[in-house]
Amino acid sequence: MSPTNRRVFLIQVAACGSVFAATVAQAQAVMVSEKDPQAVALGYVADTTKTDKKKFPKHTNDQKCTNCALYQGKATDAVGGCPLFGTKQVAGPGWCSAWAKKG
């Protein structure tokens, strides 16, 4: 194997390893529980249609984590990060009282 090919091979192995590690980390991400103290304080629900309408009268069912400015995933992701919950993941169709329209 020539030095150039070896270098390319090692770069590819390193890149694949990084992608694999990121995929494993995402798969092991912990979902935030609706009973988590922070979630309770924010009225978080994993399904926006289950929001307490009396407690949050301004809520509408089209407000979801996936279209919130704080959501760190893609709009099509089933789960994603939210800075309000640290390293825990939120459900894409979820909602909390901190919801802010993505601009």
PDB file of N, CA and C in Angstrom:
ATOM      1  N   MET A   1       0.853  -1.169   0.000  1.00  0.00           N
ATOM      2  CA  MET A   1       0.000   0.000   0.000  1.00  0.00           C
ATOM      3  C   MET A   1       0.897   1.229   0.000  1.00  0.00           C
ATOM      4  N   SER A   2       0.653   2.157  -0.888  1.00  0.00           N
ATOM      5  CA  SER A   2       1.483   3.361  -0.958  1.00  0.00           C
ATOM      6  C   SER A   2       1.146   4.293   0.207  1.00  0.00           C
ATOM      7  N   PRO A   3       2.055   5.198   0.586  1.00  0.00           N
ATOM      8  CA  PRO A   3       1.807   6.125   1.702  1.00  0.00           C
ATOM      9  C   PRO A   3       0.536   6.960   1.495  1.00  0.00           C
ATOM     10  N   THR A   4       0.253   7.351   0.262  1.00  0.00           N
ATOM     11  CA  THR A   4      -0.941   8.156  -0.011  1.00  0.00           C
ATOM     12  C   THR A   4      -2.198   7.340   0.246  1.00  0.00           C
ATOM     13  N   ASN A   5      -2.227   6.110  -0.235  1.00  0.00           N
ATOM     14  CA  ASN A   5      -3.393   5.260  -0.016  1.00  0.00           C
ATOM     15  C   ASN A   5      -3.595   4.945   1.460  1.00  0.00           C
ATOM     16  N   ARG A   6      -2.506   4.747   2.177  1.00  0.00           N
ATOM     17  CA  ARG A   6      -2.590   4.461   3.605  1.00  0.00           C
ATOM     18  C   ARG A   6      -3.171   5.662   4.349  1.00  0.00           C
ATOM     19  N   ARG A   7      -2.743   6.853   3.974  1.00  0.00           N
ATOM     20  CA  ARG A   7      -3.234   8.082   4.588  1.00  0.00           C
ATOM     21  C   ARG A   7      -4.740   8.231   4.333  1.00  0.00           C
ATOM     22  N   VAL A   8      -5.150   8.022   3.114  1.00  0.00           N
ATOM     23  CA  VAL A   8      -6.574   8.112   2.753  1.00  0.00           C
ATOM     24  C   VAL A   8      -7.368   7.075   3.534  1.00  0.00           C
ATOM     25  N   PHE A   9      -6.839   5.864   3.614  1.00  0.00           N
ATOM     26  CA  PHE A   9      -7.516   4.797   4.354  1.00  0.00           C
ATOM     27  C   PHE A   9      -7.683   5.182   5.818  1.00  0.00           C
ATOM     28  N   LEU A  10      -6.646   5.683   6.453  1.00  0.00           N
ATOM     29  CA  LEU A  10      -6.718   6.048   7.871  1.00  0.00           C
ATOM     30  C   LEU A  10      -7.696   7.201   8.101  1.00  0.00           C
ATOM     31  N   ILE A  11      -7.730   8.143   7.181  1.00  0.00           N
ATOM     32  CA  ILE A  11      -8.685   9.257   7.292  1.00  0.00           C
ATOM     33  C   ILE A  11     -10.119   8.727   7.185  1.00  0.00           C
ATOM     34  N   GLN A  12     -10.340   7.799   6.273  1.00  0.00           N
ATOM     35  CA  GLN A  12     -11.683   7.230   6.104  1.00  0.00           C
ATOM     36  C   GLN A  12     -12.101   6.433   7.338  1.00  0.00           C
ATOM     37  N   VAL A  13     -11.166   5.672   7.908  1.00  0.00           N
ATOM     38  CA  VAL A  13     -11.469   4.900   9.115  1.00  0.00           C
ATOM     39  C   VAL A  13     -11.821   5.852  10.259  1.00  0.00           C
ATOM     40  N   ALA A  14     -11.074   6.930  10.411  1.00  0.00           N
ATOM     41  CA  ALA A  14     -11.349   7.892  11.476  1.00  0.00           C
ATOM     42  C   ALA A  14     -12.714   8.552  11.277  1.00  0.00           C
ATOM     43  N   ALA A  15     -13.040   8.888  10.052  1.00  0.00           N
ATOM     44  CA  ALA A  15     -14.330   9.516   9.759  1.00  0.00           C
ATOM     45  C   ALA A  15     -15.481   8.561  10.048  1.00  0.00           C
ATOM     46  N   CYS A  16     -15.341   7.324   9.628  1.00  0.00           N
ATOM     47  CA  CYS A  16     -16.391   6.322   9.879  1.00  0.00           C
ATOM     48  C   CYS A  16     -16.567   6.084  11.374  1.00  0.00           C
ATOM     49  N   GLY A  17     -15.471   6.055  12.094  1.00  0.00           N
ATOM     50  CA  GLY A  17     -15.539   5.864  13.540  1.00  0.00           C
ATOM     51  C   GLY A  17     -16.276   6.994  14.228  1.00  0.00           C
ATOM     52  N   SER A  18     -16.051   8.217  13.771  1.00  0.00           N
ATOM     53  CA  SER A  18     -16.739   9.376  14.347  1.00  0.00           C
ATOM     54  C   SER A  18     -18.232   9.317  14.080  1.00  0.00           C
ATOM     55  N   VAL A  19     -18.602   8.945  12.864  1.00  0.00           N
ATOM     56  CA  VAL A  19     -20.017   8.825  12.509  1.00  0.00           C
ATOM     57  C   VAL A  19     -20.678   7.735  13.347  1.00  0.00           C
ATOM     58  N   PHE A  20     -20.001   6.607  13.497  1.00  0.00           N
ATOM     59  CA  PHE A  20     -20.528   5.505  14.298  1.00  0.00           C
ATOM     60  C   PHE A  20     -20.713   5.933  15.748  1.00  0.00           C
ATOM     61  N   ALA A  21     -19.736   6.611  16.310  1.00  0.00           N
ATOM     62  CA  ALA A  21     -19.818   7.055  17.704  1.00  0.00           C
ATOM     63  C   ALA A  21     -20.980   8.032  17.896  1.00  0.00           C
ATOM     64  N   ALA A  22     -21.174   8.933  16.956  1.00  0.00           N
ATOM     65  CA  ALA A  22     -22.280   9.890  17.049  1.00  0.00           C
ATOM     66  C   ALA A  22     -23.622   9.184  16.948  1.00  0.00           C
ATOM     67  N   THR A  23     -23.707   8.194  16.083  1.00  0.00           N
ATOM     68  CA  THR A  23     -24.952   7.438  15.922  1.00  0.00           C
ATOM     69  C   THR A  23     -25.282   6.666  17.196  1.00  0.00           C
ATOM     70  N   VAL A  24     -24.292   6.035  17.791  1.00  0.00           N
ATOM     71  CA  VAL A  24     -24.497   5.285  19.027  1.00  0.00           C
ATOM     72  C   VAL A  24     -24.905   6.230  20.154  1.00  0.00           C
ATOM     73  N   ALA A  25     -24.274   7.370  20.248  1.00  0.00           N
ATOM     74  CA  ALA A  25     -24.609   8.337  21.297  1.00  0.00           C
ATOM     75  C   ALA A  25     -26.047   8.810  21.151  1.00  0.00           C
ATOM     76  N   GLN A  26     -26.475   9.056  19.924  1.00  0.00           N
ATOM     77  CA  GLN A  26     -27.850   9.507  19.704  1.00  0.00           C
ATOM     78  C   GLN A  26     -28.843   8.397  20.036  1.00  0.00           C
ATOM     79  N   ALA A  27     -28.512   7.172  19.692  1.00  0.00           N
ATOM     80  CA  ALA A  27     -29.412   6.049  19.959  1.00  0.00           C
ATOM     81  C   ALA A  27     -29.565   5.813  21.458  1.00  0.00           C
ATOM     82  N   GLN A  28     -28.548   6.149  22.231  1.00  0.00           N
ATOM     83  CA  GLN A  28     -28.587   5.932  23.667  1.00  0.00           C
ATOM     84  C   GLN A  28     -29.123   7.143  24.426  1.00  0.00           C
ATOM     85  N   ALA A  29     -29.516   8.187  23.723  1.00  0.00           N
ATOM     86  CA  ALA A  29     -30.001   9.387  24.376  1.00  0.00           C
ATOM     87  C   ALA A  29     -31.237   9.073  25.213  1.00  0.00           C
ATOM     88  N   VAL A  30     -31.310   9.701  26.341  1.00  0.00           N
ATOM     89  CA  VAL A  30     -32.411   9.481  27.273  1.00  0.00           C
ATOM     90  C   VAL A  30     -33.534  10.461  26.961  1.00  0.00           C
ATOM     91  N   MET A  31     -34.741   9.944  26.899  1.00  0.00           N
ATOM     92  CA  MET A  31     -35.910  10.796  26.690  1.00  0.00           C
ATOM     93  C   MET A  31     -36.304  11.442  28.015  1.00  0.00           C
ATOM     94  N   VAL A  32     -36.737  12.672  27.945  1.00  0.00           N
ATOM     95  CA  VAL A  32     -37.232  13.345  29.141  1.00  0.00           C
ATOM     96  C   VAL A  32     -38.593  12.741  29.504  1.00  0.00           C
ATOM     97  N   SER A  33     -38.793  12.506  30.758  1.00  0.00           N
ATOM     98  CA  SER A  33     -40.063  11.966  31.249  1.00  0.00           C
ATOM     99  C   SER A  33     -41.011  13.115  31.544  1.00  0.00           C
ATOM    100  N   GLU A  34     -42.289  12.890  31.311  1.00  0.00           N
ATOM    101  CA  GLU A  34     -43.288  13.912  31.643  1.00  0.00           C
ATOM    102  C   GLU A  34     -43.344  14.147  33.149  1.00  0.00           C
ATOM    103  N   LYS A  35     -42.789  13.223  33.931  1.00  0.00           N
ATOM    104  CA  LYS A  35     -42.782  13.339  35.390  1.00  0.00           C
ATOM    105  C   LYS A  35     -41.500  13.978  35.918  1.00  0.00           C
ATOM    106  N   ASP A  36     -40.549  14.228  35.036  1.00  0.00           N
ATOM    107  CA  ASP A  36     -39.310  14.905  35.407  1.00  0.00           C
ATOM    108  C   ASP A  36     -39.678  16.273  35.993  1.00  0.00           C
ATOM    109  N   PRO A  37     -39.050  16.702  37.098  1.00  0.00           N
ATOM    110  CA  PRO A  37     -39.413  17.982  37.722  1.00  0.00           C
ATOM    111  C   PRO A  37     -39.380  19.185  36.757  1.00  0.00           C
ATOM    112  N   GLN A  38     -38.380  19.246  35.911  1.00  0.00           N
ATOM    113  CA  GLN A  38     -38.293  20.333  34.928  1.00  0.00           C
ATOM    114  C   GLN A  38     -39.452  20.245  33.936  1.00  0.00           C
ATOM    115  N   ALA A  39     -39.786  19.031  33.507  1.00  0.00           N
ATOM    116  CA  ALA A  39     -40.886  18.832  32.565  1.00  0.00           C
ATOM    117  C   ALA A  39     -42.214  19.241  33.203  1.00  0.00           C
ATOM    118  N   VAL A  40     -42.420  18.862  34.447  1.00  0.00           N
ATOM    119  CA  VAL A  40     -43.647  19.228  35.156  1.00  0.00           C
ATOM    120  C   VAL A  40     -43.756  20.743  35.272  1.00  0.00           C
ATOM    121  N   ALA A  41     -42.644  21.390  35.626  1.00  0.00           N
ATOM    122  CA  ALA A  41     -42.648  22.845  35.773  1.00  0.00           C
ATOM    123  C   ALA A  41     -43.008  23.557  34.464  1.00  0.00           C
ATOM    124  N   LEU A  42     -42.613  22.967  33.336  1.00  0.00           N
ATOM    125  CA  LEU A  42     -42.882  23.577  32.032  1.00  0.00           C
ATOM    126  C   LEU A  42     -44.144  23.036  31.365  1.00  0.00           C
ATOM    127  N   GLY A  43     -44.824  22.102  32.008  1.00  0.00           N
ATOM    128  CA  GLY A  43     -46.031  21.522  31.424  1.00  0.00           C
ATOM    129  C   GLY A  43     -45.740  20.657  30.213  1.00  0.00           C
ATOM    130  N   TYR A  44     -44.547  20.065  30.147  1.00  0.00           N
ATOM    131  CA  TYR A  44     -44.152  19.247  28.999  1.00  0.00           C
ATOM    132  C   TYR A  44     -45.027  18.005  28.861  1.00  0.00           C
ATOM    133  N   VAL A  45     -45.448  17.745  27.627  1.00  0.00           N
ATOM    134  CA  VAL A  45     -46.132  16.501  27.271  1.00  0.00           C
ATOM    135  C   VAL A  45     -45.496  15.979  25.989  1.00  0.00           C
ATOM    136  N   ALA A  46     -45.421  14.674  25.853  1.00  0.00           N
ATOM    137  CA  ALA A  46     -44.808  14.069  24.668  1.00  0.00           C
ATOM    138  C   ALA A  46     -45.718  14.155  23.445  1.00  0.00           C
ATOM    139  N   ASP A  47     -46.992  14.449  23.679  1.00  0.00           N
ATOM    140  CA  ASP A  47     -47.972  14.574  22.597  1.00  0.00           C
ATOM    141  C   ASP A  47     -48.730  15.882  22.807  1.00  0.00           C
ATOM    142  N   THR A  48     -48.543  16.820  21.899  1.00  0.00           N
ATOM    143  CA  THR A  48     -49.135  18.151  22.056  1.00  0.00           C
ATOM    144  C   THR A  48     -50.646  18.124  22.253  1.00  0.00           C
ATOM    145  N   THR A  49     -51.319  17.098  21.728  1.00  0.00           N
ATOM    146  CA  THR A  49     -52.776  17.022  21.870  1.00  0.00           C
ATOM    147  C   THR A  49     -53.203  16.675  23.294  1.00  0.00           C
ATOM    148  N   LYS A  50     -52.260  16.273  24.140  1.00  0.00           N
ATOM    149  CA  LYS A  50     -52.554  15.911  25.530  1.00  0.00           C
ATOM    150  C   LYS A  50     -52.326  17.076  26.504  1.00  0.00           C
ATOM    151  N   THR A  51     -52.047  18.257  25.976  1.00  0.00           N
ATOM    152  CA  THR A  51     -51.789  19.428  26.816  1.00  0.00           C
ATOM    153  C   THR A  51     -53.041  19.817  27.595  1.00  0.00           C
ATOM    154  N   ASP A  52     -52.857  20.201  28.850  1.00  0.00           N
ATOM    155  CA  ASP A  52     -53.953  20.627  29.714  1.00  0.00           C
ATOM    156  C   ASP A  52     -54.476  21.980  29.214  1.00  0.00           C
ATOM    157  N   LYS A  53     -55.631  21.969  28.583  1.00  0.00           N
ATOM    158  CA  LYS A  53     -56.200  23.179  27.961  1.00  0.00           C
ATOM    159  C   LYS A  53     -56.598  24.222  29.010  1.00  0.00           C
ATOM    160  N   LYS A  54     -56.965  23.786  30.207  1.00  0.00           N
ATOM    161  CA  LYS A  54     -57.339  24.736  31.258  1.00  0.00           C
ATOM    162  C   LYS A  54     -56.112  25.455  31.809  1.00  0.00           C
ATOM    163  N   LYS A  55     -55.036  24.718  31.963  1.00  0.00           N
ATOM    164  CA  LYS A  55     -53.807  25.292  32.511  1.00  0.00           C
ATOM    165  C   LYS A  55     -53.069  26.139  31.468  1.00  0.00           C
ATOM    166  N   PHE A  56     -53.187  25.758  30.190  1.00  0.00           N
ATOM    167  CA  PHE A  56     -52.494  26.460  29.107  1.00  0.00           C
ATOM    168  C   PHE A  56     -53.501  26.837  28.008  1.00  0.00           C
ATOM    169  N   PRO A  57     -54.358  27.828  28.259  1.00  0.00           N
ATOM    170  CA  PRO A  57     -55.418  28.158  27.303  1.00  0.00           C
ATOM    171  C   PRO A  57     -54.910  28.700  25.959  1.00  0.00           C
ATOM    172  N   LYS A  58     -53.707  29.228  25.907  1.00  0.00           N
ATOM    173  CA  LYS A  58     -53.177  29.770  24.644  1.00  0.00           C
ATOM    174  C   LYS A  58     -52.554  28.701  23.750  1.00  0.00           C
ATOM    175  N   HIS A  59     -52.451  27.473  24.258  1.00  0.00           N
ATOM    176  CA  HIS A  59     -51.868  26.374  23.487  1.00  0.00           C
ATOM    177  C   HIS A  59     -52.779  26.002  22.325  1.00  0.00           C
ATOM    178  N   THR A  60     -52.155  25.688  21.183  1.00  0.00           N
ATOM    179  CA  THR A  60     -52.889  25.132  20.047  1.00  0.00           C
ATOM    180  C   THR A  60     -52.176  23.866  19.609  1.00  0.00           C
ATOM    181  N   ASN A  61     -52.911  22.933  19.013  1.00  0.00           N
ATOM    182  CA  ASN A  61     -52.328  21.639  18.651  1.00  0.00           C
ATOM    183  C   ASN A  61     -51.292  21.721  17.543  1.00  0.00           C
ATOM    184  N   ASP A  62     -51.194  22.843  16.845  1.00  0.00           N
ATOM    185  CA  ASP A  62     -50.161  22.963  15.817  1.00  0.00           C
ATOM    186  C   ASP A  62     -48.813  23.376  16.424  1.00  0.00           C
ATOM    187  N   GLN A  63     -48.786  23.691  17.705  1.00  0.00           N
ATOM    188  CA  GLN A  63     -47.541  23.999  18.403  1.00  0.00           C
ATOM    189  C   GLN A  63     -46.912  22.684  18.844  1.00  0.00           C
ATOM    190  N   LYS A  64     -45.755  22.385  18.294  1.00  0.00           N
ATOM    191  CA  LYS A  64     -45.047  21.137  18.608  1.00  0.00           C
ATOM    192  C   LYS A  64     -43.569  21.448  18.805  1.00  0.00           C
ATOM    193  N   CYS A  65     -42.881  20.552  19.452  1.00  0.00           N
ATOM    194  CA  CYS A  65     -41.438  20.737  19.635  1.00  0.00           C
ATOM    195  C   CYS A  65     -40.735  20.914  18.287  1.00  0.00           C
ATOM    196  N   THR A  66     -41.182  20.191  17.266  1.00  0.00           N
ATOM    197  CA  THR A  66     -40.501  20.253  15.969  1.00  0.00           C
ATOM    198  C   THR A  66     -40.577  21.634  15.317  1.00  0.00           C
ATOM    199  N   ASN A  67     -41.548  22.457  15.697  1.00  0.00           N
ATOM    200  CA  ASN A  67     -41.599  23.803  15.119  1.00  0.00           C
ATOM    201  C   ASN A  67     -41.330  24.878  16.172  1.00  0.00           C
ATOM    202  N   CYS A  68     -40.631  24.486  17.233  1.00  0.00           N
ATOM    203  CA  CYS A  68     -40.226  25.409  18.292  1.00  0.00           C
ATOM    204  C   CYS A  68     -38.803  25.909  18.016  1.00  0.00           C
ATOM    205  N   ALA A  69     -38.563  27.153  18.344  1.00  0.00           N
ATOM    206  CA  ALA A  69     -37.241  27.749  18.136  1.00  0.00           C
ATOM    207  C   ALA A  69     -36.161  27.065  18.974  1.00  0.00           C
ATOM    208  N   LEU A  70     -36.526  26.408  20.054  1.00  0.00           N
ATOM    209  CA  LEU A  70     -35.547  25.763  20.927  1.00  0.00           C
ATOM    210  C   LEU A  70     -35.181  24.346  20.491  1.00  0.00           C
ATOM    211  N   TYR A  71     -35.993  23.743  19.633  1.00  0.00           N
ATOM    212  CA  TYR A  71     -35.781  22.355  19.213  1.00  0.00           C
ATOM    213  C   TYR A  71     -34.490  22.231  18.419  1.00  0.00           C
ATOM    214  N   GLN A  72     -33.646  21.287  18.788  1.00  0.00           N
ATOM    215  CA  GLN A  72     -32.336  21.143  18.161  1.00  0.00           C
ATOM    216  C   GLN A  72     -32.276  20.033  17.121  1.00  0.00           C
ATOM    217  N   GLY A  73     -33.390  19.444  16.801  1.00  0.00           N
ATOM    218  CA  GLY A  73     -33.439  18.429  15.753  1.00  0.00           C
ATOM    219  C   GLY A  73     -33.998  19.025  14.477  1.00  0.00           C
ATOM    220  N   LYS A  74     -34.121  18.187  13.462  1.00  0.00           N
ATOM    221  CA  LYS A  74     -34.754  18.606  12.214  1.00  0.00           C
ATOM    222  C   LYS A  74     -36.260  18.537  12.401  1.00  0.00           C
ATOM    223  N   ALA A  75     -36.995  19.266  11.594  1.00  0.00           N
ATOM    224  CA  ALA A  75     -38.458  19.280  11.697  1.00  0.00           C
ATOM    225  C   ALA A  75     -39.058  17.895  11.476  1.00  0.00           C
ATOM    226  N   THR A  76     -38.337  17.013  10.806  1.00  0.00           N
ATOM    227  CA  THR A  76     -38.837  15.670  10.520  1.00  0.00           C
ATOM    228  C   THR A  76     -38.382  14.631  11.549  1.00  0.00           C
ATOM    229  N   ASP A  77     -37.549  15.021  12.505  1.00  0.00           N
ATOM    230  CA  ASP A  77     -37.039  14.081  13.513  1.00  0.00           C
ATOM    231  C   ASP A  77     -38.115  13.726  14.539  1.00  0.00           C
ATOM    232  N   ALA A  78     -38.153  12.460  14.920  1.00  0.00           N
ATOM    233  CA  ALA A  78     -39.110  11.998  15.935  1.00  0.00           C
ATOM    234  C   ALA A  78     -38.726  12.495  17.321  1.00  0.00           C
ATOM    235  N   VAL A  79     -37.434  12.661  17.564  1.00  0.00           N
ATOM    236  CA  VAL A  79     -36.928  13.183  18.835  1.00  0.00           C
ATOM    237  C   VAL A  79     -35.792  14.151  18.543  1.00  0.00           C
ATOM    238  N   GLY A  80     -35.526  15.013  19.491  1.00  0.00           N
ATOM    239  CA  GLY A  80     -34.436  15.965  19.327  1.00  0.00           C
ATOM    240  C   GLY A  80     -34.076  16.577  20.664  1.00  0.00           C
ATOM    241  N   GLY A  81     -33.003  17.304  20.656  1.00  0.00           N
ATOM    242  CA  GLY A  81     -32.543  17.951  21.873  1.00  0.00           C
ATOM    243  C   GLY A  81     -33.280  19.251  22.137  1.00  0.00           C
ATOM    244  N   CYS A  82     -33.259  19.649  23.399  1.00  0.00           N
ATOM    245  CA  CYS A  82     -33.825  20.932  23.808  1.00  0.00           C
ATOM    246  C   CYS A  82     -32.958  21.443  24.952  1.00  0.00           C
ATOM    247  N   PRO A  83     -32.463  22.664  24.849  1.00  0.00           N
ATOM    248  CA  PRO A  83     -31.575  23.175  25.899  1.00  0.00           C
ATOM    249  C   PRO A  83     -32.246  23.261  27.271  1.00  0.00           C
ATOM    250  N   LEU A  84     -33.552  23.275  27.314  1.00  0.00           N
ATOM    251  CA  LEU A  84     -34.254  23.342  28.595  1.00  0.00           C
ATOM    252  C   LEU A  84     -34.138  22.051  29.395  1.00  0.00           C
ATOM    253  N   PHE A  85     -33.824  20.942  28.707  1.00  0.00           N
ATOM    254  CA  PHE A  85     -33.773  19.641  29.360  1.00  0.00           C
ATOM    255  C   PHE A  85     -32.369  19.029  29.343  1.00  0.00           C
ATOM    256  N   GLY A  86     -31.369  19.835  29.144  1.00  0.00           N
ATOM    257  CA  GLY A  86     -29.987  19.364  29.170  1.00  0.00           C
ATOM    258  C   GLY A  86     -29.701  18.342  28.088  1.00  0.00           C
ATOM    259  N   THR A  87     -29.223  17.179  28.478  1.00  0.00           N
ATOM    260  CA  THR A  87     -28.855  16.144  27.503  1.00  0.00           C
ATOM    261  C   THR A  87     -30.017  15.225  27.149  1.00  0.00           C
ATOM    262  N   LYS A  88     -31.160  15.428  27.767  1.00  0.00           N
ATOM    263  CA  LYS A  88     -32.323  14.580  27.482  1.00  0.00           C
ATOM    264  C   LYS A  88     -32.999  15.016  26.186  1.00  0.00           C
ATOM    265  N   GLN A  89     -33.621  14.059  25.532  1.00  0.00           N
ATOM    266  CA  GLN A  89     -34.318  14.300  24.268  1.00  0.00           C
ATOM    267  C   GLN A  89     -35.809  14.553  24.527  1.00  0.00           C
ATOM    268  N   VAL A  90     -36.410  15.352  23.668  1.00  0.00           N
ATOM    269  CA  VAL A  90     -37.854  15.586  23.736  1.00  0.00           C
ATOM    270  C   VAL A  90     -38.502  14.973  22.498  1.00  0.00           C
ATOM    271  N   ALA A  91     -39.768  14.650  22.610  1.00  0.00           N
ATOM    272  CA  ALA A  91     -40.512  14.085  21.486  1.00  0.00           C
ATOM    273  C   ALA A  91     -40.826  15.195  20.481  1.00  0.00           C
ATOM    274  N   GLY A  92     -40.637  14.914  19.206  1.00  0.00           N
ATOM    275  CA  GLY A  92     -40.941  15.887  18.171  1.00  0.00           C
ATOM    276  C   GLY A  92     -42.364  16.404  18.245  1.00  0.00           C
ATOM    277  N   PRO A  93     -43.356  15.520  18.467  1.00  0.00           N
ATOM    278  CA  PRO A  93     -44.732  15.999  18.559  1.00  0.00           C
ATOM    279  C   PRO A  93     -45.105  16.508  19.958  1.00  0.00           C
ATOM    280  N   GLY A  94     -44.113  16.683  20.816  1.00  0.00           N
ATOM    281  CA  GLY A  94     -44.362  17.148  22.179  1.00  0.00           C
ATOM    282  C   GLY A  94     -44.579  18.652  22.252  1.00  0.00           C
ATOM    283  N   TRP A  95     -44.741  19.158  23.477  1.00  0.00           N
ATOM    284  CA  TRP A  95     -44.967  20.586  23.693  1.00  0.00           C
ATOM    285  C   TRP A  95     -44.655  20.920  25.133  1.00  0.00           C
ATOM    286  N   CYS A  96     -44.225  22.163  25.379  1.00  0.00           N
ATOM    287  CA  CYS A  96     -44.107  22.692  26.735  1.00  0.00           C
ATOM    288  C   CYS A  96     -44.432  24.181  26.699  1.00  0.00           C
ATOM    289  N   SER A  97     -44.592  24.770  27.856  1.00  0.00           N
ATOM    290  CA  SER A  97     -45.010  26.170  27.940  1.00  0.00           C
ATOM    291  C   SER A  97     -43.941  27.150  27.459  1.00  0.00           C
ATOM    292  N   ALA A  98     -42.726  26.687  27.224  1.00  0.00           N
ATOM    293  CA  ALA A  98     -41.671  27.542  26.695  1.00  0.00           C
ATOM    294  C   ALA A  98     -41.673  27.591  25.165  1.00  0.00           C
ATOM    295  N   TRP A  99     -42.650  26.932  24.548  1.00  0.00           N
ATOM    296  CA  TRP A  99     -42.714  26.868  23.087  1.00  0.00           C
ATOM    297  C   TRP A  99     -42.653  28.268  22.496  1.00  0.00           C
ATOM    298  N   ALA A 100     -41.795  28.440  21.503  1.00  0.00           N
ATOM    299  CA  ALA A 100     -41.660  29.710  20.783  1.00  0.00           C
ATOM    300  C   ALA A 100     -41.569  29.399  19.302  1.00  0.00           C
ATOM    301  N   LYS A 101     -42.360  30.088  18.507  1.00  0.00           N
ATOM    302  CA  LYS A 101     -42.413  29.824  17.075  1.00  0.00           C
ATOM    303  C   LYS A 101     -41.027  29.972  16.440  1.00  0.00           C
ATOM    304  N   LYS A 102     -40.666  28.967  15.663  1.00  0.00           N
ATOM    305  CA  LYS A 102     -39.395  28.985  14.940  1.00  0.00           C
ATOM    306  C   LYS A 102     -39.493  30.046  13.847  1.00  0.00           C
ATOM    307  N   GLY A 103     -38.531  30.938  13.835  1.00  0.00           N
ATOM    308  CA  GLY A 103     -38.567  32.054  12.884  1.00  0.00           C
ATOM    309  C   GLY A 103     -38.018  31.741  11.610  1.00  0.00           C
TER     310      GLY A 103
END
